[in-house]
């Protein structure tokens, strides 16, 4: 079990011209359900997690914009790995409309290698150990990304998300690939998917699946003998989009998920990339198949979330 949390400053708050303190609060510690809350919940349940941290905003605001969250994650005994949104490379404080290209796949191999190497150095300067795993922002990776990662000594990537294929998730693997596989010199650990309706894939993300769908996906992984399950969350995902109010639906899902994983620790132990897990890289795994009742229940939850929980405080 890889429980992963993408940890980043949200571009929407920067482009809206909010001061840095508000950007940090709404992105990393929104409404009391950000990283500190998530770390405490993980500790209460005895779970391991991976925090993919984007250090690129330090190019604009300095190391202190990201260093405190890195230090908090490390102090809590969780791991920090590398996340990267390249648009920050062109950002400025005096012109919030300025940015570089948003998707990593829009850069050449040489440009990607330079961006990843620079981001790694920034993350280490913020207090993180040398990262060995990577996830591209918006899952926007391609085969050049993996080639660059291998050349830079990374062992794992977790950017392949078939629900977002072929754009911006553009790695040359089948969309339904959810088993770890060696590809272009690294081990790709894809985001786990379910098939919510026939022919439609949906990622195992806290804001994307209901509690029932999450439980069914975990049961499916156990019964089918999957080598790995990769779940995605975000530093800001348990709050509303403005970052001003907790989203009760999403908080409930996170709490329920942590409870499920704690109860199933013998069959679904959480792990981290720094544990250097090994995989056969030849196993096959299929997403959980569709179930109309599960999908309808989640759609009802989403309607409540959008109409009620997403209201600004």
C-alpha atoms as a PDB file:
ATOM      1  CA  UNK A   1       0.000   0.000   0.000  1.00  0.00           C
ATOM      2  CA  UNK A   2       1.349   3.372  -1.070  1.00  0.00           C
ATOM      3  CA  UNK A   3      -0.640   6.164   0.570  1.00  0.00           C
ATOM      4  CA  UNK A   4       0.665   9.244  -1.242  1.00  0.00           C
ATOM      5  CA  UNK A   5      -0.030  12.919  -0.579  1.00  0.00           C
ATOM      6  CA  UNK A   6       0.888  15.489  -3.243  1.00  0.00           C
ATOM      7  CA  UNK A   7       2.016  18.529  -1.259  1.00  0.00           C
ATOM      8  CA  UNK A   8       2.193  21.857  -3.061  1.00  0.00           C
ATOM      9  CA  UNK A   9       1.315  25.529  -3.177  1.00  0.00           C
ATOM     10  CA  UNK A  10      -1.768  25.892  -5.361  1.00  0.00           C
ATOM     11  CA  UNK A  11      -1.258  28.038  -8.427  1.00  0.00           C
ATOM     12  CA  UNK A  12      -4.789  29.441  -8.229  1.00  0.00           C
ATOM     13  CA  UNK A  13      -3.967  31.255  -4.991  1.00  0.00           C
ATOM     14  CA  UNK A  14      -0.794  32.769  -6.443  1.00  0.00           C
ATOM     15  CA  UNK A  15      -2.514  33.866  -9.658  1.00  0.00           C
ATOM     16  CA  UNK A  16      -5.260  35.463  -7.547  1.00  0.00           C
ATOM     17  CA  UNK A  17      -2.607  37.671  -5.970  1.00  0.00           C
ATOM     18  CA  UNK A  18      -2.931  36.354  -2.416  1.00  0.00           C
ATOM     19  CA  UNK A  19      -0.015  37.082  -0.070  1.00  0.00           C
ATOM     20  CA  UNK A  20       2.381  34.209   0.575  1.00  0.00           C
ATOM     21  CA  UNK A  21       1.060  33.587   4.097  1.00  0.00           C
ATOM     22  CA  UNK A  22      -2.427  32.995   2.690  1.00  0.00           C
ATOM     23  CA  UNK A  23      -1.097  30.816  -0.118  1.00  0.00           C
ATOM     24  CA  UNK A  24       0.743  28.626   2.389  1.00  0.00           C
ATOM     25  CA  UNK A  25      -2.226  28.412   4.744  1.00  0.00           C
ATOM     26  CA  UNK A  26      -4.786  27.590   2.055  1.00  0.00           C
ATOM     27  CA  UNK A  27      -2.530  25.100   0.257  1.00  0.00           C
ATOM     28  CA  UNK A  28      -0.701  23.326   3.085  1.00  0.00           C
ATOM     29  CA  UNK A  29      -2.789  23.861   6.228  1.00  0.00           C
ATOM     30  CA  UNK A  30      -6.293  24.745   5.025  1.00  0.00           C
ATOM     31  CA  UNK A  31      -9.087  24.950   7.595  1.00  0.00           C
ATOM     32  CA  UNK A  32      -7.317  22.688  10.076  1.00  0.00           C
ATOM     33  CA  UNK A  33      -7.340  19.644   7.767  1.00  0.00           C
ATOM     34  CA  UNK A  34      -4.014  20.077   5.994  1.00  0.00           C
ATOM     35  CA  UNK A  35      -0.654  18.419   6.518  1.00  0.00           C
ATOM     36  CA  UNK A  36      -0.566  18.708  10.334  1.00  0.00           C
ATOM     37  CA  UNK A  37      -3.989  17.056  10.604  1.00  0.00           C
ATOM     38  CA  UNK A  38      -3.069  14.366   8.078  1.00  0.00           C
ATOM     39  CA  UNK A  39       0.195  13.587   9.880  1.00  0.00           C
ATOM     40  CA  UNK A  40      -1.621  13.308  13.200  1.00  0.00           C
ATOM     41  CA  UNK A  41      -4.270  11.012  11.724  1.00  0.00           C
ATOM     42  CA  UNK A  42      -1.638   8.775  10.136  1.00  0.00           C
ATOM     43  CA  UNK A  43       0.228   8.567  13.448  1.00  0.00           C
ATOM     44  CA  UNK A  44      -2.976   7.707  15.332  1.00  0.00           C
ATOM     45  CA  UNK A  45      -3.562   4.782  12.983  1.00  0.00           C
ATOM     46  CA  UNK A  46       0.073   3.710  12.770  1.00  0.00           C
ATOM     47  CA  UNK A  47       0.293   4.170   8.978  1.00  0.00           C
ATOM     48  CA  UNK A  48       3.148   5.015   6.644  1.00  0.00           C
ATOM     49  CA  UNK A  49       2.693   7.569   3.876  1.00  0.00           C
ATOM     50  CA  UNK A  50       4.682   9.249   1.120  1.00  0.00           C
ATOM     51  CA  UNK A  51       4.469  13.021   0.736  1.00  0.00           C
ATOM     52  CA  UNK A  52       5.412  14.098  -2.779  1.00  0.00           C
ATOM     53  CA  UNK A  53       6.505  17.686  -2.112  1.00  0.00           C
ATOM     54  CA  UNK A  54       6.854  20.340  -4.831  1.00  0.00           C
ATOM     55  CA  UNK A  55       9.760  22.670  -3.975  1.00  0.00           C
ATOM     56  CA  UNK A  56       9.450  24.828  -7.105  1.00  0.00           C
ATOM     57  CA  UNK A  57       7.704  27.772  -5.359  1.00  0.00           C
ATOM     58  CA  UNK A  58      10.965  28.344  -3.469  1.00  0.00           C
ATOM     59  CA  UNK A  59      12.315  29.778  -6.726  1.00  0.00           C
ATOM     60  CA  UNK A  60       9.854  32.635  -6.203  1.00  0.00           C
ATOM     61  CA  UNK A  61       9.461  32.920  -2.444  1.00  0.00           C
ATOM     62  CA  UNK A  62      12.623  31.396  -0.971  1.00  0.00           C
ATOM     63  CA  UNK A  63      13.231  28.162   0.926  1.00  0.00           C
ATOM     64  CA  UNK A  64      11.111  29.172   3.921  1.00  0.00           C
ATOM     65  CA  UNK A  65       7.957  28.830   1.811  1.00  0.00           C
ATOM     66  CA  UNK A  66       8.352  25.031   1.756  1.00  0.00           C
ATOM     67  CA  UNK A  67      10.988  24.143   4.353  1.00  0.00           C
ATOM     68  CA  UNK A  68       8.611  24.092   7.374  1.00  0.00           C
ATOM     69  CA  UNK A  69       6.304  21.515   5.792  1.00  0.00           C
ATOM     70  CA  UNK A  70       9.262  19.326   4.770  1.00  0.00           C
ATOM     71  CA  UNK A  71      10.637  19.508   8.309  1.00  0.00           C
ATOM     72  CA  UNK A  72       7.226  18.631   9.787  1.00  0.00           C
ATOM     73  CA  UNK A  73       6.841  15.572   7.545  1.00  0.00           C
ATOM     74  CA  UNK A  74      10.347  14.313   8.303  1.00  0.00           C
ATOM     75  CA  UNK A  75       9.909  14.930  12.042  1.00  0.00           C
ATOM     76  CA  UNK A  76       6.701  12.873  11.967  1.00  0.00           C
ATOM     77  CA  UNK A  77       8.604   9.890  10.564  1.00  0.00           C
ATOM     78  CA  UNK A  78       6.962  10.024   7.153  1.00  0.00           C
ATOM     79  CA  UNK A  79       8.878  10.231   3.897  1.00  0.00           C
ATOM     80  CA  UNK A  80       9.362  13.116   1.471  1.00  0.00           C
ATOM     81  CA  UNK A  81       9.750  12.410  -2.243  1.00  0.00           C
ATOM     82  CA  UNK A  82       9.835  14.763  -5.225  1.00  0.00           C
ATOM     83  CA  UNK A  83       6.850  16.434  -6.897  1.00  0.00           C
ATOM     84  CA  UNK A  84       7.226  19.032  -9.645  1.00  0.00           C
ATOM     85  CA  UNK A  85       4.980  21.665 -11.203  1.00  0.00           C
ATOM     86  CA  UNK A  86       7.297  23.405 -13.721  1.00  0.00           C
ATOM     87  CA  UNK A  87       5.119  26.483 -14.226  1.00  0.00           C
ATOM     88  CA  UNK A  88       6.625  27.948 -11.032  1.00  0.00           C
ATOM     89  CA  UNK A  89       9.977  28.256 -12.826  1.00  0.00           C
ATOM     90  CA  UNK A  90       8.654  31.341 -14.628  1.00  0.00           C
ATOM     91  CA  UNK A  91       6.600  32.832 -11.785  1.00  0.00           C
ATOM     92  CA  UNK A  92       7.185  36.261 -10.254  1.00  0.00           C
ATOM     93  CA  UNK A  93       5.799  38.110  -7.270  1.00  0.00           C
ATOM     94  CA  UNK A  94       5.417  41.401  -9.153  1.00  0.00           C
ATOM     95  CA  UNK A  95       3.471  39.866 -12.055  1.00  0.00           C
ATOM     96  CA  UNK A  96       1.218  36.994 -10.972  1.00  0.00           C
ATOM     97  CA  UNK A  97       0.236  36.276 -14.571  1.00  0.00           C
ATOM     98  CA  UNK A  98       3.791  35.200 -15.437  1.00  0.00           C
ATOM     99  CA  UNK A  99       4.558  31.491 -15.539  1.00  0.00           C
ATOM    100  CA  UNK A 100       6.529  28.876 -17.410  1.00  0.00           C
ATOM    101  CA  UNK A 101       4.884  26.026 -19.333  1.00  0.00           C
ATOM    102  CA  UNK A 102       2.555  24.139 -17.016  1.00  0.00           C
ATOM    103  CA  UNK A 103       3.028  20.511 -18.055  1.00  0.00           C
ATOM    104  CA  UNK A 104       6.343  18.685 -17.785  1.00  0.00           C
ATOM    105  CA  UNK A 105       5.588  16.785 -21.002  1.00  0.00           C
ATOM    106  CA  UNK A 106       5.791  20.094 -22.903  1.00  0.00           C
ATOM    107  CA  UNK A 107       9.543  20.198 -22.232  1.00  0.00           C
ATOM    108  CA  UNK A 108      12.343  18.391 -24.078  1.00  0.00           C
ATOM    109  CA  UNK A 109      14.312  15.569 -22.486  1.00  0.00           C
ATOM    110  CA  UNK A 110      17.195  17.922 -21.690  1.00  0.00           C
ATOM    111  CA  UNK A 111      14.824  20.505 -20.207  1.00  0.00           C
ATOM    112  CA  UNK A 112      13.069  17.882 -18.106  1.00  0.00           C
ATOM    113  CA  UNK A 113      16.378  16.545 -16.819  1.00  0.00           C
ATOM    114  CA  UNK A 114      17.447  20.048 -15.786  1.00  0.00           C
ATOM    115  CA  UNK A 115      14.102  20.815 -14.119  1.00  0.00           C
ATOM    116  CA  UNK A 116      14.094  17.561 -12.147  1.00  0.00           C
ATOM    117  CA  UNK A 117      17.722  17.953 -11.073  1.00  0.00           C
ATOM    118  CA  UNK A 118      17.101  21.522  -9.960  1.00  0.00           C
ATOM    119  CA  UNK A 119      13.946  20.592  -8.088  1.00  0.00           C
ATOM    120  CA  UNK A 120      15.777  17.765  -6.330  1.00  0.00           C
ATOM    121  CA  UNK A 121      18.431  20.202  -5.126  1.00  0.00           C
ATOM    122  CA  UNK A 122      15.751  22.590  -3.868  1.00  0.00           C
ATOM    123  CA  UNK A 123      13.958  19.806  -2.004  1.00  0.00           C
ATOM    124  CA  UNK A 124      17.186  18.726  -0.315  1.00  0.00           C
ATOM    125  CA  UNK A 125      17.907  22.358   0.585  1.00  0.00           C
ATOM    126  CA  UNK A 126      14.521  22.361   2.360  1.00  0.00           C
ATOM    127  CA  UNK A 127      15.687  19.485   4.578  1.00  0.00           C
ATOM    128  CA  UNK A 128      14.561  16.386   2.687  1.00  0.00           C
ATOM    129  CA  UNK A 129      16.754  13.320   2.229  1.00  0.00           C
ATOM    130  CA  UNK A 130      17.912  12.597  -1.319  1.00  0.00           C
ATOM    131  CA  UNK A 131      14.673  11.596  -3.112  1.00  0.00           C
ATOM    132  CA  UNK A 132      14.442   8.296  -4.994  1.00  0.00           C
ATOM    133  CA  UNK A 133      10.816   8.556  -6.178  1.00  0.00           C
ATOM    134  CA  UNK A 134       9.013  11.120  -8.301  1.00  0.00           C
ATOM    135  CA  UNK A 135       5.536  12.182  -9.348  1.00  0.00           C
ATOM    136  CA  UNK A 136       4.958  14.814 -12.008  1.00  0.00           C
ATOM    137  CA  UNK A 137       2.460  17.555 -11.287  1.00  0.00           C
ATOM    138  CA  UNK A 138      -0.894  16.779 -12.918  1.00  0.00           C
ATOM    139  CA  UNK A 139       0.568  13.298 -13.686  1.00  0.00           C
ATOM    140  CA  UNK A 140       2.135  15.009 -16.728  1.00  0.00           C
ATOM    141  CA  UNK A 141       4.988  12.628 -17.450  1.00  0.00           C
ATOM    142  CA  UNK A 142       6.100  10.850 -20.610  1.00  0.00           C
ATOM    143  CA  UNK A 143       8.840   8.400 -21.508  1.00  0.00           C
ATOM    144  CA  UNK A 144      11.382  11.247 -21.608  1.00  0.00           C
ATOM    145  CA  UNK A 145      10.517  11.950 -17.965  1.00  0.00           C
ATOM    146  CA  UNK A 146      11.390   8.384 -16.993  1.00  0.00           C
ATOM    147  CA  UNK A 147      14.603   8.456 -19.031  1.00  0.00           C
ATOM    148  CA  UNK A 148      15.624  11.647 -17.222  1.00  0.00           C
ATOM    149  CA  UNK A 149      14.755  10.143 -13.846  1.00  0.00           C
ATOM    150  CA  UNK A 150      16.838   7.035 -14.554  1.00  0.00           C
ATOM    151  CA  UNK A 151      19.791   9.169 -15.633  1.00  0.00           C
ATOM    152  CA  UNK A 152      19.496  11.142 -12.381  1.00  0.00           C
ATOM    153  CA  UNK A 153      19.466   7.997 -10.227  1.00  0.00           C
ATOM    154  CA  UNK A 154      15.783   7.823  -9.286  1.00  0.00           C
ATOM    155  CA  UNK A 155      14.492   4.301  -8.686  1.00  0.00           C
ATOM    156  CA  UNK A 156      10.721   4.847  -8.853  1.00  0.00           C
ATOM    157  CA  UNK A 157       8.143   6.980 -10.615  1.00  0.00           C
ATOM    158  CA  UNK A 158       4.439   7.195  -9.752  1.00  0.00           C
ATOM    159  CA  UNK A 159       3.061   9.444 -12.485  1.00  0.00           C
ATOM    160  CA  UNK A 160       1.199   6.962 -14.694  1.00  0.00           C
ATOM    161  CA  UNK A 161      -2.533   7.575 -14.318  1.00  0.00           C
ATOM    162  CA  UNK A 162      -4.614   5.863 -16.975  1.00  0.00           C
ATOM    163  CA  UNK A 163      -7.649   7.964 -16.058  1.00  0.00           C
ATOM    164  CA  UNK A 164      -5.718  10.974 -17.438  1.00  0.00           C
ATOM    165  CA  UNK A 165      -4.184   9.208 -20.433  1.00  0.00           C
ATOM    166  CA  UNK A 166      -3.160  10.038 -23.084  1.00  0.00           C
ATOM    167  CA  UNK A 167      -2.964  13.656 -21.857  1.00  0.00           C
ATOM    168  CA  UNK A 168      -1.460  14.878 -19.672  1.00  0.00           C
ATOM    169  CA  UNK A 169      -0.410  11.439 -18.387  1.00  0.00           C
ATOM    170  CA  UNK A 170       1.562  10.382 -21.452  1.00  0.00           C
ATOM    171  CA  UNK A 171       3.882   7.565 -20.359  1.00  0.00           C
ATOM    172  CA  UNK A 172       3.981   4.820 -22.980  1.00  0.00           C
ATOM    173  CA  UNK A 173       2.045   2.253 -20.976  1.00  0.00           C
ATOM    174  CA  UNK A 174      -1.529   0.977 -21.386  1.00  0.00           C
ATOM    175  CA  UNK A 175      -4.118   3.146 -19.593  1.00  0.00           C
ATOM    176  CA  UNK A 176      -5.258   0.138 -17.544  1.00  0.00           C
ATOM    177  CA  UNK A 177      -1.712  -0.596 -16.301  1.00  0.00           C
ATOM    178  CA  UNK A 178      -1.922  -0.539 -12.505  1.00  0.00           C
ATOM    179  CA  UNK A 179       0.724  -3.135 -11.596  1.00  0.00           C
ATOM    180  CA  UNK A 180       4.292  -1.933 -11.015  1.00  0.00           C
ATOM    181  CA  UNK A 181       6.439  -2.388 -14.095  1.00  0.00           C
ATOM    182  CA  UNK A 182       9.984  -1.560 -15.122  1.00  0.00           C
ATOM    183  CA  UNK A 183       9.898   1.043 -17.884  1.00  0.00           C
ATOM    184  CA  UNK A 184      12.657   3.201 -19.352  1.00  0.00           C
ATOM    185  CA  UNK A 185      15.064   2.431 -16.534  1.00  0.00           C
ATOM    186  CA  UNK A 186      12.844   3.028 -13.489  1.00  0.00           C
ATOM    187  CA  UNK A 187      10.091   1.099 -11.760  1.00  0.00           C
ATOM    188  CA  UNK A 188       6.765   2.706 -12.595  1.00  0.00           C
ATOM    189  CA  UNK A 189       4.276   2.401  -9.718  1.00  0.00           C
ATOM    190  CA  UNK A 190       1.009   3.533 -11.345  1.00  0.00           C
ATOM    191  CA  UNK A 191      -1.878   5.215  -9.596  1.00  0.00           C
ATOM    192  CA  UNK A 192      -4.533   2.602  -8.855  1.00  0.00           C
ATOM    193  CA  UNK A 193      -7.733   2.847 -10.892  1.00  0.00           C
ATOM    194  CA  UNK A 194     -11.266   1.556 -10.800  1.00  0.00           C
ATOM    195  CA  UNK A 195     -13.721   1.283 -13.660  1.00  0.00           C
ATOM    196  CA  UNK A 196     -16.662   3.313 -12.383  1.00  0.00           C
ATOM    197  CA  UNK A 197     -18.850   2.820 -15.463  1.00  0.00           C
ATOM    198  CA  UNK A 198     -18.035   0.508 -18.393  1.00  0.00           C
ATOM    199  CA  UNK A 199     -15.107   1.946 -20.334  1.00  0.00           C
ATOM    200  CA  UNK A 200     -14.445   4.808 -17.893  1.00  0.00           C
ATOM    201  CA  UNK A 201     -11.467   4.776 -15.507  1.00  0.00           C
ATOM    202  CA  UNK A 202     -11.266   6.756 -12.256  1.00  0.00           C
ATOM    203  CA  UNK A 203      -8.192   7.146 -10.052  1.00  0.00           C
ATOM    204  CA  UNK A 204      -8.072   5.987  -6.443  1.00  0.00           C
ATOM    205  CA  UNK A 205      -8.038   9.493  -5.026  1.00  0.00           C
ATOM    206  CA  UNK A 206      -9.629  10.589  -1.779  1.00  0.00           C
ATOM    207  CA  UNK A 207     -11.744  13.278  -3.419  1.00  0.00           C
ATOM    208  CA  UNK A 208     -12.643  10.972  -6.334  1.00  0.00           C
ATOM    209  CA  UNK A 209     -13.980   7.776  -4.709  1.00  0.00           C
ATOM    210  CA  UNK A 210     -16.628   7.141  -2.083  1.00  0.00           C
ATOM    211  CA  UNK A 211     -15.915   5.113   1.025  1.00  0.00           C
ATOM    212  CA  UNK A 212     -17.724   2.176  -0.554  1.00  0.00           C
ATOM    213  CA  UNK A 213     -15.648   2.382  -3.734  1.00  0.00           C
ATOM    214  CA  UNK A 214     -12.430   2.594  -1.715  1.00  0.00           C
ATOM    215  CA  UNK A 215     -13.341  -0.459   0.358  1.00  0.00           C
ATOM    216  CA  UNK A 216     -14.336  -2.401  -2.758  1.00  0.00           C
ATOM    217  CA  UNK A 217     -11.065  -1.463  -4.483  1.00  0.00           C
ATOM    218  CA  UNK A 218      -9.031  -2.642  -1.484  1.00  0.00           C
ATOM    219  CA  UNK A 219     -10.991  -5.908  -1.255  1.00  0.00           C
ATOM    220  CA  UNK A 220     -10.482  -6.421  -4.988  1.00  0.00           C
ATOM    221  CA  UNK A 221      -6.719  -5.893  -4.658  1.00  0.00           C
ATOM    222  CA  UNK A 222      -6.512  -8.495  -1.901  1.00  0.00           C
ATOM    223  CA  UNK A 223      -8.660 -11.100  -3.630  1.00  0.00           C
ATOM    224  CA  UNK A 224      -6.849 -10.644  -6.962  1.00  0.00           C
ATOM    225  CA  UNK A 225      -3.387 -10.674  -5.364  1.00  0.00           C
ATOM    226  CA  UNK A 226      -2.245  -7.277  -6.592  1.00  0.00           C
ATOM    227  CA  UNK A 227       1.368  -6.421  -5.821  1.00  0.00           C
ATOM    228  CA  UNK A 228       0.646  -2.787  -5.000  1.00  0.00           C
ATOM    229  CA  UNK A 229      -2.134  -0.285  -4.482  1.00  0.00           C
ATOM    230  CA  UNK A 230      -1.326   3.407  -4.938  1.00  0.00           C
ATOM    231  CA  UNK A 231      -3.695   5.984  -3.444  1.00  0.00           C
ATOM    232  CA  UNK A 232      -3.471   9.735  -4.055  1.00  0.00           C
ATOM    233  CA  UNK A 233      -4.381  12.620  -1.789  1.00  0.00           C
ATOM    234  CA  UNK A 234      -3.347  16.274  -1.647  1.00  0.00           C
ATOM    235  CA  UNK A 235      -2.292  18.672   1.061  1.00  0.00           C
ATOM    236  CA  UNK A 236      -5.377  20.805   0.315  1.00  0.00           C
ATOM    237  CA  UNK A 237      -7.865  18.115  -0.665  1.00  0.00           C
ATOM    238  CA  UNK A 238      -9.754  17.830   2.621  1.00  0.00           C
ATOM    239  CA  UNK A 239     -10.827  21.485   2.491  1.00  0.00           C
ATOM    240  CA  UNK A 240     -13.032  23.325   0.028  1.00  0.00           C
ATOM    241  CA  UNK A 241     -11.484  24.723  -3.142  1.00  0.00           C
ATOM    242  CA  UNK A 242     -10.957  28.114  -1.529  1.00  0.00           C
ATOM    243  CA  UNK A 243      -9.066  26.505   1.355  1.00  0.00           C
ATOM    244  CA  UNK A 244     -11.253  28.252   3.916  1.00  0.00           C
ATOM    245  CA  UNK A 245     -13.536  25.474   5.175  1.00  0.00           C
ATOM    246  CA  UNK A 246     -13.174  21.745   5.827  1.00  0.00           C
ATOM    247  CA  UNK A 247     -15.017  19.531   3.353  1.00  0.00           C
ATOM    248  CA  UNK A 248     -16.852  17.063   5.590  1.00  0.00           C
ATOM    249  CA  UNK A 249     -17.285  14.494   2.813  1.00  0.00           C
ATOM    250  CA  UNK A 250     -13.571  14.399   2.054  1.00  0.00           C
ATOM    251  CA  UNK A 251     -12.544  14.421   5.725  1.00  0.00           C
ATOM    252  CA  UNK A 252     -14.893  11.507   6.340  1.00  0.00           C
ATOM    253  CA  UNK A 253     -13.373   9.581   3.449  1.00  0.00           C
ATOM    254  CA  UNK A 254      -9.814  10.170   4.708  1.00  0.00           C
ATOM    255  CA  UNK A 255     -10.693   9.085   8.234  1.00  0.00           C
ATOM    256  CA  UNK A 256     -12.502   6.011   6.905  1.00  0.00           C
ATOM    257  CA  UNK A 257      -9.618   5.101   4.604  1.00  0.00           C
ATOM    258  CA  UNK A 258      -7.094   5.325   7.439  1.00  0.00           C
ATOM    259  CA  UNK A 259      -9.355   3.123   9.537  1.00  0.00           C
ATOM    260  CA  UNK A 260      -9.630   0.554   6.726  1.00  0.00           C
ATOM    261  CA  UNK A 261      -5.864   0.426   6.264  1.00  0.00           C
ATOM    262  CA  UNK A 262      -5.256   0.126  10.011  1.00  0.00           C
ATOM    263  CA  UNK A 263      -7.718  -2.759  10.232  1.00  0.00           C
ATOM    264  CA  UNK A 264      -6.158  -4.479   7.201  1.00  0.00           C
ATOM    265  CA  UNK A 265      -2.508  -3.890   8.073  1.00  0.00           C
ATOM    266  CA  UNK A 266      -1.737  -7.636   7.938  1.00  0.00           C
ATOM    267  CA  UNK A 267      -2.937  -7.993   4.343  1.00  0.00           C
ATOM    268  CA  UNK A 268      -2.459  -4.399   3.117  1.00  0.00           C
ATOM    269  CA  UNK A 269       0.579  -3.022   4.942  1.00  0.00           C
ATOM    270  CA  UNK A 270       1.459   0.572   4.121  1.00  0.00           C
ATOM    271  CA  UNK A 271       4.974   1.059   2.823  1.00  0.00           C
ATOM    272  CA  UNK A 272       7.279   3.775   1.536  1.00  0.00           C
ATOM    273  CA  UNK A 273       9.640   4.079  -1.388  1.00  0.00           C
ATOM    274  CA  UNK A 274      12.604   4.454   0.957  1.00  0.00           C
ATOM    275  CA  UNK A 275      11.863   0.868   2.057  1.00  0.00           C
ATOM    276  CA  UNK A 276      13.018  -0.081  -1.478  1.00  0.00           C
ATOM    277  CA  UNK A 277      10.111  -2.439  -2.201  1.00  0.00           C
ATOM    278  CA  UNK A 278      10.771  -4.974  -4.940  1.00  0.00           C
ATOM    279  CA  UNK A 279       8.233  -6.138  -7.496  1.00  0.00           C
ATOM    280  CA  UNK A 280       8.139  -8.887 -10.061  1.00  0.00           C
ATOM    281  CA  UNK A 281       7.380  -6.225 -12.723  1.00  0.00           C
ATOM    282  CA  UNK A 282       5.687  -9.006 -14.669  1.00  0.00           C
ATOM    283  CA  UNK A 283       2.438  -9.364 -12.746  1.00  0.00           C
ATOM    284  CA  UNK A 284      -0.915  -8.441 -14.215  1.00  0.00           C
ATOM    285  CA  UNK A 285      -3.612  -6.515 -12.388  1.00  0.00           C
ATOM    286  CA  UNK A 286      -6.960  -5.248 -13.604  1.00  0.00           C
ATOM    287  CA  UNK A 287      -8.936  -2.347 -12.136  1.00  0.00           C
ATOM    288  CA  UNK A 288     -12.033  -3.079 -10.074  1.00  0.00           C
ATOM    289  CA  UNK A 289     -14.984  -3.508 -12.411  1.00  0.00           C
ATOM    290  CA  UNK A 290     -18.011  -1.202 -12.536  1.00  0.00           C
ATOM    291  CA  UNK A 291     -20.943  -1.351 -10.151  1.00  0.00           C
ATOM    292  CA  UNK A 292     -23.885   0.940 -10.828  1.00  0.00           C
ATOM    293  CA  UNK A 293     -25.003   1.175  -7.186  1.00  0.00           C
ATOM    294  CA  UNK A 294     -21.520   2.183  -5.956  1.00  0.00           C
ATOM    295  CA  UNK A 295     -21.237   4.793  -8.692  1.00  0.00           C
ATOM    296  CA  UNK A 296     -24.682   6.271  -8.000  1.00  0.00           C
ATOM    297  CA  UNK A 297     -23.896   6.547  -4.278  1.00  0.00           C
ATOM    298  CA  UNK A 298     -20.659   8.399  -5.008  1.00  0.00           C
ATOM    299  CA  UNK A 299     -22.425  10.729  -7.414  1.00  0.00           C
ATOM    300  CA  UNK A 300     -24.915  11.563  -4.662  1.00  0.00           C
ATOM    301  CA  UNK A 301     -22.018  12.234  -2.271  1.00  0.00           C
ATOM    302  CA  UNK A 302     -20.360  14.458  -4.858  1.00  0.00           C
ATOM    303  CA  UNK A 303     -23.543  16.451  -5.338  1.00  0.00           C
ATOM    304  CA  UNK A 304     -23.728  17.107  -1.589  1.00  0.00           C
ATOM    305  CA  UNK A 305     -20.022  17.962  -1.535  1.00  0.00           C
ATOM    306  CA  UNK A 306     -20.353  20.453  -4.385  1.00  0.00           C
ATOM    307  CA  UNK A 307     -23.557  22.103  -3.155  1.00  0.00           C
ATOM    308  CA  UNK A 308     -22.889  22.172   0.586  1.00  0.00           C
ATOM    309  CA  UNK A 309     -19.325  21.286   1.590  1.00  0.00           C
ATOM    310  CA  UNK A 310     -17.682  23.516  -1.024  1.00  0.00           C
ATOM    311  CA  UNK A 311     -19.308  26.680   0.281  1.00  0.00           C
ATOM    312  CA  UNK A 312     -16.830  29.288   1.433  1.00  0.00           C
ATOM    313  CA  UNK A 313     -16.590  29.790   5.185  1.00  0.00           C
END
